[in-house]
Amino acid sequence: MYFEIIDEIRDIEQINVDKNELEKERIKKKYDAVNWRKLKGKVQVRLGNGSIVKVEVHWYELPVAIRKNMKIKNIYG
């Protein structure tokens, strides 16, 4: 789903993925990084159809603050 972030991400939290070894290995191979973390937060986005909604997004972040694989998980309105 195409979306464009139009505001600052708020309420950022780290998601605990230490128990998911398959996910850890997949991310390590895909991004060639060991010290990544999975985060979530709330932000306003513009969807592909032009509507603006508040959503929860999840993404992986590398130590140099590069966001990868960001996706919408919940839409709030």
PDB file of N, CA and C in Angstrom:
ATOM      1  N   MET A   1       0.849  -1.175   0.000  1.00  0.00           N
ATOM      2  CA  MET A   1       0.000   0.000   0.000  1.00  0.00           C
ATOM      3  C   MET A   1       0.895   1.239   0.000  1.00  0.00           C
ATOM      4  N   TYR A   2       0.643   2.134  -0.963  1.00  0.00           N
ATOM      5  CA  TYR A   2       1.412   3.370  -1.037  1.00  0.00           C
ATOM      6  C   TYR A   2       0.917   4.344   0.024  1.00  0.00           C
ATOM      7  N   PHE A   3       1.846   4.993   0.713  1.00  0.00           N
ATOM      8  CA  PHE A   3       1.494   6.069   1.636  1.00  0.00           C
ATOM      9  C   PHE A   3       2.669   7.020   1.763  1.00  0.00           C
ATOM     10  N   GLU A   4       2.351   8.264   2.117  1.00  0.00           N
ATOM     11  CA  GLU A   4       3.352   9.300   2.299  1.00  0.00           C
ATOM     12  C   GLU A   4       3.203   9.873   3.703  1.00  0.00           C
ATOM     13  N   ILE A   5       4.272   9.876   4.461  1.00  0.00           N
ATOM     14  CA  ILE A   5       4.240  10.431   5.814  1.00  0.00           C
ATOM     15  C   ILE A   5       4.184  11.947   5.707  1.00  0.00           C
ATOM     16  N   ILE A   6       3.195  12.553   6.381  1.00  0.00           N
ATOM     17  CA  ILE A   6       3.036  14.010   6.285  1.00  0.00           C
ATOM     18  C   ILE A   6       3.201  14.703   7.637  1.00  0.00           C
ATOM     19  N   ASP A   7       3.600  13.972   8.653  1.00  0.00           N
ATOM     20  CA  ASP A   7       3.754  14.525   9.992  1.00  0.00           C
ATOM     21  C   ASP A   7       4.917  13.810  10.672  1.00  0.00           C
ATOM     22  N   GLU A   8       5.267  14.252  11.856  1.00  0.00           N
ATOM     23  CA  GLU A   8       6.319  13.610  12.636  1.00  0.00           C
ATOM     24  C   GLU A   8       5.771  12.355  13.313  1.00  0.00           C
ATOM     25  N   ILE A   9       6.548  11.284  13.319  1.00  0.00           N
ATOM     26  CA  ILE A   9       6.131  10.053  13.987  1.00  0.00           C
ATOM     27  C   ILE A   9       6.174  10.281  15.486  1.00  0.00           C
ATOM     28  N   ARG A  10       5.100   9.897  16.185  1.00  0.00           N
ATOM     29  CA  ARG A  10       4.979  10.107  17.631  1.00  0.00           C
ATOM     30  C   ARG A  10       4.776   8.776  18.351  1.00  0.00           C
ATOM     31  N   ASP A  11       4.925   8.804  19.649  1.00  0.00           N
ATOM     32  CA  ASP A  11       4.720   7.625  20.504  1.00  0.00           C
ATOM     33  C   ASP A  11       5.540   6.433  20.017  1.00  0.00           C
ATOM     34  N   ILE A  12       6.801   6.675  19.688  1.00  0.00           N
ATOM     35  CA  ILE A  12       7.663   5.609  19.178  1.00  0.00           C
ATOM     36  C   ILE A  12       8.039   4.663  20.305  1.00  0.00           C
ATOM     37  N   GLU A  13       7.888   3.371  20.035  1.00  0.00           N
ATOM     38  CA  GLU A  13       8.223   2.321  21.003  1.00  0.00           C
ATOM     39  C   GLU A  13       9.004   1.236  20.297  1.00  0.00           C
ATOM     40  N   GLN A  14       9.924   0.620  21.023  1.00  0.00           N
ATOM     41  CA  GLN A  14      10.627  -0.530  20.480  1.00  0.00           C
ATOM     42  C   GLN A  14       9.780  -1.774  20.712  1.00  0.00           C
ATOM     43  N   ILE A  15       9.722  -2.624  19.699  1.00  0.00           N
ATOM     44  CA  ILE A  15       8.985  -3.882  19.789  1.00  0.00           C
ATOM     45  C   ILE A  15       9.995  -4.974  20.118  1.00  0.00           C
ATOM     46  N   ASN A  16       9.675  -5.805  21.073  1.00  0.00           N
ATOM     47  CA  ASN A  16      10.575  -6.871  21.486  1.00  0.00           C
ATOM     48  C   ASN A  16      10.529  -8.012  20.473  1.00  0.00           C
ATOM     49  N   VAL A  17      11.624  -8.229  19.771  1.00  0.00           N
ATOM     50  CA  VAL A  17      11.687  -9.319  18.799  1.00  0.00           C
ATOM     51  C   VAL A  17      12.781 -10.324  19.154  1.00  0.00           C
ATOM     52  N   ASP A  18      13.300 -10.231  20.361  1.00  0.00           N
ATOM     53  CA  ASP A  18      14.395 -11.117  20.766  1.00  0.00           C
ATOM     54  C   ASP A  18      14.014 -12.592  20.718  1.00  0.00           C
ATOM     55  N   LYS A  19      12.744 -12.894  20.888  1.00  0.00           N
ATOM     56  CA  LYS A  19      12.309 -14.287  20.915  1.00  0.00           C
ATOM     57  C   LYS A  19      12.103 -14.863  19.514  1.00  0.00           C
ATOM     58  N   ASN A  20      12.072 -14.003  18.492  1.00  0.00           N
ATOM     59  CA  ASN A  20      11.806 -14.463  17.144  1.00  0.00           C
ATOM     60  C   ASN A  20      13.117 -14.603  16.367  1.00  0.00           C
ATOM     61  N   GLU A  21      13.734 -15.762  16.472  1.00  0.00           N
ATOM     62  CA  GLU A  21      15.044 -16.001  15.840  1.00  0.00           C
ATOM     63  C   GLU A  21      14.960 -15.951  14.314  1.00  0.00           C
ATOM     64  N   LEU A  22      13.865 -16.438  13.724  1.00  0.00           N
ATOM     65  CA  LEU A  22      13.731 -16.414  12.266  1.00  0.00           C
ATOM     66  C   LEU A  22      13.719 -14.986  11.741  1.00  0.00           C
ATOM     67  N   GLU A  23      12.997 -14.102  12.411  1.00  0.00           N
ATOM     68  CA  GLU A  23      12.950 -12.707  11.989  1.00  0.00           C
ATOM     69  C   GLU A  23      14.320 -12.054  12.136  1.00  0.00           C
ATOM     70  N   LYS A  24      15.011 -12.338  13.221  1.00  0.00           N
ATOM     71  CA  LYS A  24      16.337 -11.768  13.432  1.00  0.00           C
ATOM     72  C   LYS A  24      17.301 -12.181  12.324  1.00  0.00           C
ATOM     73  N   GLU A  25      17.280 -13.443  11.945  1.00  0.00           N
ATOM     74  CA  GLU A  25      18.161 -13.927  10.883  1.00  0.00           C
ATOM     75  C   GLU A  25      17.791 -13.341   9.525  1.00  0.00           C
ATOM     76  N   ARG A  26      16.490 -13.214   9.250  1.00  0.00           N
ATOM     77  CA  ARG A  26      16.026 -12.664   7.977  1.00  0.00           C
ATOM     78  C   ARG A  26      16.492 -11.215   7.824  1.00  0.00           C
ATOM     79  N   ILE A  27      16.331 -10.410   8.858  1.00  0.00           N
ATOM     80  CA  ILE A  27      16.738  -9.010   8.805  1.00  0.00           C
ATOM     81  C   ILE A  27      18.255  -8.898   8.703  1.00  0.00           C
ATOM     82  N   LYS A  28      18.965  -9.756   9.413  1.00  0.00           N
ATOM     83  CA  LYS A  28      20.429  -9.733   9.350  1.00  0.00           C
ATOM     84  C   LYS A  28      20.906  -9.983   7.921  1.00  0.00           C
ATOM     85  N   LYS A  29      20.300 -10.952   7.243  1.00  0.00           N
ATOM     86  CA  LYS A  29      20.678 -11.256   5.862  1.00  0.00           C
ATOM     87  C   LYS A  29      20.254 -10.147   4.901  1.00  0.00           C
ATOM     88  N   LYS A  30      19.035  -9.646   5.058  1.00  0.00           N
ATOM     89  CA  LYS A  30      18.493  -8.674   4.112  1.00  0.00           C
ATOM     90  C   LYS A  30      19.218  -7.337   4.178  1.00  0.00           C
ATOM     91  N   TYR A  31      19.501  -6.836   5.369  1.00  0.00           N
ATOM     92  CA  TYR A  31      20.096  -5.511   5.527  1.00  0.00           C
ATOM     93  C   TYR A  31      21.560  -5.550   5.956  1.00  0.00           C
ATOM     94  N   ASP A  32      22.117  -6.745   6.115  1.00  0.00           N
ATOM     95  CA  ASP A  32      23.513  -6.907   6.496  1.00  0.00           C
ATOM     96  C   ASP A  32      23.844  -6.093   7.754  1.00  0.00           C
ATOM     97  N   ALA A  33      22.975  -6.215   8.743  1.00  0.00           N
ATOM     98  CA  ALA A  33      23.167  -5.462   9.985  1.00  0.00           C
ATOM     99  C   ALA A  33      22.802  -6.340  11.172  1.00  0.00           C
ATOM    100  N   VAL A  34      23.587  -6.231  12.211  1.00  0.00           N
ATOM    101  CA  VAL A  34      23.343  -7.008  13.423  1.00  0.00           C
ATOM    102  C   VAL A  34      22.590  -6.175  14.452  1.00  0.00           C
ATOM    103  N   ASN A  35      22.894  -4.905  14.549  1.00  0.00           N
ATOM    104  CA  ASN A  35      22.336  -4.047  15.603  1.00  0.00           C
ATOM    105  C   ASN A  35      21.097  -3.275  15.153  1.00  0.00           C
ATOM    106  N   TRP A  36      20.156  -3.926  14.534  1.00  0.00           N
ATOM    107  CA  TRP A  36      18.921  -3.290  14.113  1.00  0.00           C
ATOM    108  C   TRP A  36      17.912  -3.388  15.244  1.00  0.00           C
ATOM    109  N   ARG A  37      16.836  -2.618  15.134  1.00  0.00           N
ATOM    110  CA  ARG A  37      15.736  -2.741  16.098  1.00  0.00           C
ATOM    111  C   ARG A  37      14.422  -2.517  15.373  1.00  0.00           C
ATOM    112  N   LYS A  38      13.364  -3.120  15.884  1.00  0.00           N
ATOM    113  CA  LYS A  38      12.034  -2.977  15.309  1.00  0.00           C
ATOM    114  C   LYS A  38      11.267  -1.971  16.159  1.00  0.00           C
ATOM    115  N   LEU A  39      10.655  -0.989  15.493  1.00  0.00           N
ATOM    116  CA  LEU A  39       9.958   0.085  16.186  1.00  0.00           C
ATOM    117  C   LEU A  39       8.535   0.218  15.675  1.00  0.00           C
ATOM    118  N   LYS A  40       7.704   0.895  16.469  1.00  0.00           N
ATOM    119  CA  LYS A  40       6.359   1.241  16.038  1.00  0.00           C
ATOM    120  C   LYS A  40       6.054   2.646  16.530  1.00  0.00           C
ATOM    121  N   GLY A  41       5.137   3.308  15.827  1.00  0.00           N
ATOM    122  CA  GLY A  41       4.747   4.651  16.210  1.00  0.00           C
ATOM    123  C   GLY A  41       3.489   5.071  15.476  1.00  0.00           C
ATOM    124  N   LYS A  42       2.958   6.233  15.854  1.00  0.00           N
ATOM    125  CA  LYS A  42       1.731   6.751  15.247  1.00  0.00           C
ATOM    126  C   LYS A  42       2.070   7.991  14.437  1.00  0.00           C
ATOM    127  N   VAL A  43       1.420   8.134  13.277  1.00  0.00           N
ATOM    128  CA  VAL A  43       1.722   9.252  12.377  1.00  0.00           C
ATOM    129  C   VAL A  43       0.552   9.473  11.424  1.00  0.00           C
ATOM    130  N   GLN A  44       0.424  10.693  10.913  1.00  0.00           N
ATOM    131  CA  GLN A  44      -0.559  10.973   9.874  1.00  0.00           C
ATOM    132  C   GLN A  44       0.088  10.708   8.529  1.00  0.00           C
ATOM    133  N   VAL A  45      -0.666  10.037   7.644  1.00  0.00           N
ATOM    134  CA  VAL A  45      -0.167   9.726   6.312  1.00  0.00           C
ATOM    135  C   VAL A  45      -1.216  10.094   5.267  1.00  0.00           C
ATOM    136  N   ARG A  46      -0.731  10.297   4.040  1.00  0.00           N
ATOM    137  CA  ARG A  46      -1.615  10.465   2.894  1.00  0.00           C
ATOM    138  C   ARG A  46      -1.571   9.159   2.125  1.00  0.00           C
ATOM    139  N   LEU A  47      -2.726   8.524   1.979  1.00  0.00           N
ATOM    140  CA  LEU A  47      -2.816   7.265   1.259  1.00  0.00           C
ATOM    141  C   LEU A  47      -2.821   7.512  -0.247  1.00  0.00           C
ATOM    142  N   GLY A  48      -2.707   6.452  -1.026  1.00  0.00           N
ATOM    143  CA  GLY A  48      -2.676   6.550  -2.473  1.00  0.00           C
ATOM    144  C   GLY A  48      -3.901   7.194  -3.072  1.00  0.00           C
ATOM    145  N   ASN A  49      -5.054   7.092  -2.403  1.00  0.00           N
ATOM    146  CA  ASN A  49      -6.286   7.687  -2.913  1.00  0.00           C
ATOM    147  C   ASN A  49      -6.449   9.148  -2.491  1.00  0.00           C
ATOM    148  N   GLY A  50      -5.460   9.698  -1.777  1.00  0.00           N
ATOM    149  CA  GLY A  50      -5.486  11.099  -1.374  1.00  0.00           C
ATOM    150  C   GLY A  50      -6.033  11.364   0.012  1.00  0.00           C
ATOM    151  N   SER A  51      -6.633  10.375   0.654  1.00  0.00           N
ATOM    152  CA  SER A  51      -7.186  10.596   1.996  1.00  0.00           C
ATOM    153  C   SER A  51      -6.059  10.652   3.026  1.00  0.00           C
ATOM    154  N   ILE A  52      -6.289  11.445   4.076  1.00  0.00           N
ATOM    155  CA  ILE A  52      -5.318  11.604   5.156  1.00  0.00           C
ATOM    156  C   ILE A  52      -5.873  10.925   6.397  1.00  0.00           C
ATOM    157  N   VAL A  53      -5.087  10.006   6.955  1.00  0.00           N
ATOM    158  CA  VAL A  53      -5.520   9.241   8.124  1.00  0.00           C
ATOM    159  C   VAL A  53      -4.369   9.119   9.111  1.00  0.00           C
ATOM    160  N   LYS A  54      -4.717   8.867  10.373  1.00  0.00           N
ATOM    161  CA  LYS A  54      -3.720   8.579  11.405  1.00  0.00           C
ATOM    162  C   LYS A  54      -3.552   7.067  11.450  1.00  0.00           C
ATOM    163  N   VAL A  55      -2.300   6.605  11.438  1.00  0.00           N
ATOM    164  CA  VAL A  55      -2.036   5.170  11.386  1.00  0.00           C
ATOM    165  C   VAL A  55      -0.947   4.790  12.383  1.00  0.00           C
ATOM    166  N   GLU A  56      -0.860   3.510  12.643  1.00  0.00           N
ATOM    167  CA  GLU A  56       0.275   2.949  13.379  1.00  0.00           C
ATOM    168  C   GLU A  56       1.170   2.301  12.340  1.00  0.00           C
ATOM    169  N   VAL A  57       2.451   2.626  12.370  1.00  0.00           N
ATOM    170  CA  VAL A  57       3.405   2.036  11.442  1.00  0.00           C
ATOM    171  C   VAL A  57       4.444   1.238  12.216  1.00  0.00           C
ATOM    172  N   HIS A  58       4.946   0.199  11.586  1.00  0.00           N
ATOM    173  CA  HIS A  58       6.039  -0.601  12.120  1.00  0.00           C
ATOM    174  C   HIS A  58       7.179  -0.518  11.116  1.00  0.00           C
ATOM    175  N   TRP A  59       8.429  -0.505  11.612  1.00  0.00           N
ATOM    176  CA  TRP A  59       9.576  -0.474  10.710  1.00  0.00           C
ATOM    177  C   TRP A  59      10.809  -0.993  11.429  1.00  0.00           C
ATOM    178  N   TYR A  60      11.820  -1.310  10.628  1.00  0.00           N
ATOM    179  CA  TYR A  60      13.122  -1.697  11.153  1.00  0.00           C
ATOM    180  C   TYR A  60      14.041  -0.494  11.033  1.00  0.00           C
ATOM    181  N   GLU A  61      14.877  -0.281  12.050  1.00  0.00           N
ATOM    182  CA  GLU A  61      15.794   0.845  12.013  1.00  0.00           C
ATOM    183  C   GLU A  61      17.202   0.339  12.293  1.00  0.00           C
ATOM    184  N   LEU A  62      18.113   0.748  11.437  1.00  0.00           N
ATOM    185  CA  LEU A  62      19.515   0.385  11.593  1.00  0.00           C
ATOM    186  C   LEU A  62      20.193   1.398  12.507  1.00  0.00           C
ATOM    187  N   PRO A  63      21.384   1.099  13.019  1.00  0.00           N
ATOM    188  CA  PRO A  63      22.053   1.998  13.962  1.00  0.00           C
ATOM    189  C   PRO A  63      22.273   3.412  13.431  1.00  0.00           C
ATOM    190  N   VAL A  64      22.341   3.586  12.125  1.00  0.00           N
ATOM    191  CA  VAL A  64      22.557   4.921  11.562  1.00  0.00           C
ATOM    192  C   VAL A  64      21.230   5.618  11.273  1.00  0.00           C
ATOM    193  N   ALA A  65      20.157   5.171  11.920  1.00  0.00           N
ATOM    194  CA  ALA A  65      18.816   5.764  11.834  1.00  0.00           C
ATOM    195  C   ALA A  65      18.255   5.737  10.413  1.00  0.00           C
ATOM    196  N   ILE A  66      18.516   4.661   9.685  1.00  0.00           N
ATOM    197  CA  ILE A  66      17.919   4.470   8.365  1.00  0.00           C
ATOM    198  C   ILE A  66      16.703   3.577   8.555  1.00  0.00           C
ATOM    199  N   ARG A  67      15.551   4.065   8.129  1.00  0.00           N
ATOM    200  CA  ARG A  67      14.314   3.291   8.270  1.00  0.00           C
ATOM    201  C   ARG A  67      14.134   2.392   7.058  1.00  0.00           C
ATOM    202  N   LYS A  68      13.792   1.142   7.317  1.00  0.00           N
ATOM    203  CA  LYS A  68      13.611   0.158   6.263  1.00  0.00           C
ATOM    204  C   LYS A  68      12.287  -0.564   6.448  1.00  0.00           C
ATOM    205  N   ASN A  69      11.666  -0.924   5.346  1.00  0.00           N
ATOM    206  CA  ASN A  69      10.492  -1.801   5.364  1.00  0.00           C
ATOM    207  C   ASN A  69       9.365  -1.259   6.234  1.00  0.00           C
ATOM    208  N   MET A  70       9.025   0.022   6.087  1.00  0.00           N
ATOM    209  CA  MET A  70       7.967   0.622   6.882  1.00  0.00           C
ATOM    210  C   MET A  70       6.611   0.191   6.327  1.00  0.00           C
ATOM    211  N   LYS A  71       5.691  -0.199   7.198  1.00  0.00           N
ATOM    212  CA  LYS A  71       4.364  -0.608   6.755  1.00  0.00           C
ATOM    213  C   LYS A  71       3.305  -0.195   7.762  1.00  0.00           C
ATOM    214  N   ILE A  72       2.094   0.025   7.249  1.00  0.00           N
ATOM    215  CA  ILE A  72       0.960   0.404   8.089  1.00  0.00           C
ATOM    216  C   ILE A  72       0.409  -0.853   8.747  1.00  0.00           C
ATOM    217  N   LYS A  73       0.144  -0.771  10.041  1.00  0.00           N
ATOM    218  CA  LYS A  73      -0.441  -1.897  10.781  1.00  0.00           C
ATOM    219  C   LYS A  73      -1.886  -1.605  11.180  1.00  0.00           C
ATOM    220  N   ASN A  74      -2.222  -0.385  11.573  1.00  0.00           N
ATOM    221  CA  ASN A  74      -3.573  -0.025  11.991  1.00  0.00           C
ATOM    222  C   ASN A  74      -3.918   1.352  11.449  1.00  0.00           C
ATOM    223  N   ILE A  75      -5.191   1.556  11.106  1.00  0.00           N
ATOM    224  CA  ILE A  75      -5.683   2.863  10.688  1.00  0.00           C
ATOM    225  C   ILE A  75      -6.679   3.330  11.749  1.00  0.00           C
ATOM    226  N   TYR A  76      -6.517   4.565  12.220  1.00  0.00           N
ATOM    227  CA  TYR A  76      -7.339   5.077  13.302  1.00  0.00           C
ATOM    228  C   TYR A  76      -8.431   6.045  12.876  1.00  0.00           C
ATOM    229  N   GLY A  77      -8.629   6.281  11.629  1.00  0.00           N
ATOM    230  CA  GLY A  77      -9.701   7.198  11.268  1.00  0.00           C
ATOM    231  C   GLY A  77      -9.432   7.800   9.983  1.00  0.00           C
TER     232      GLY A  77
END
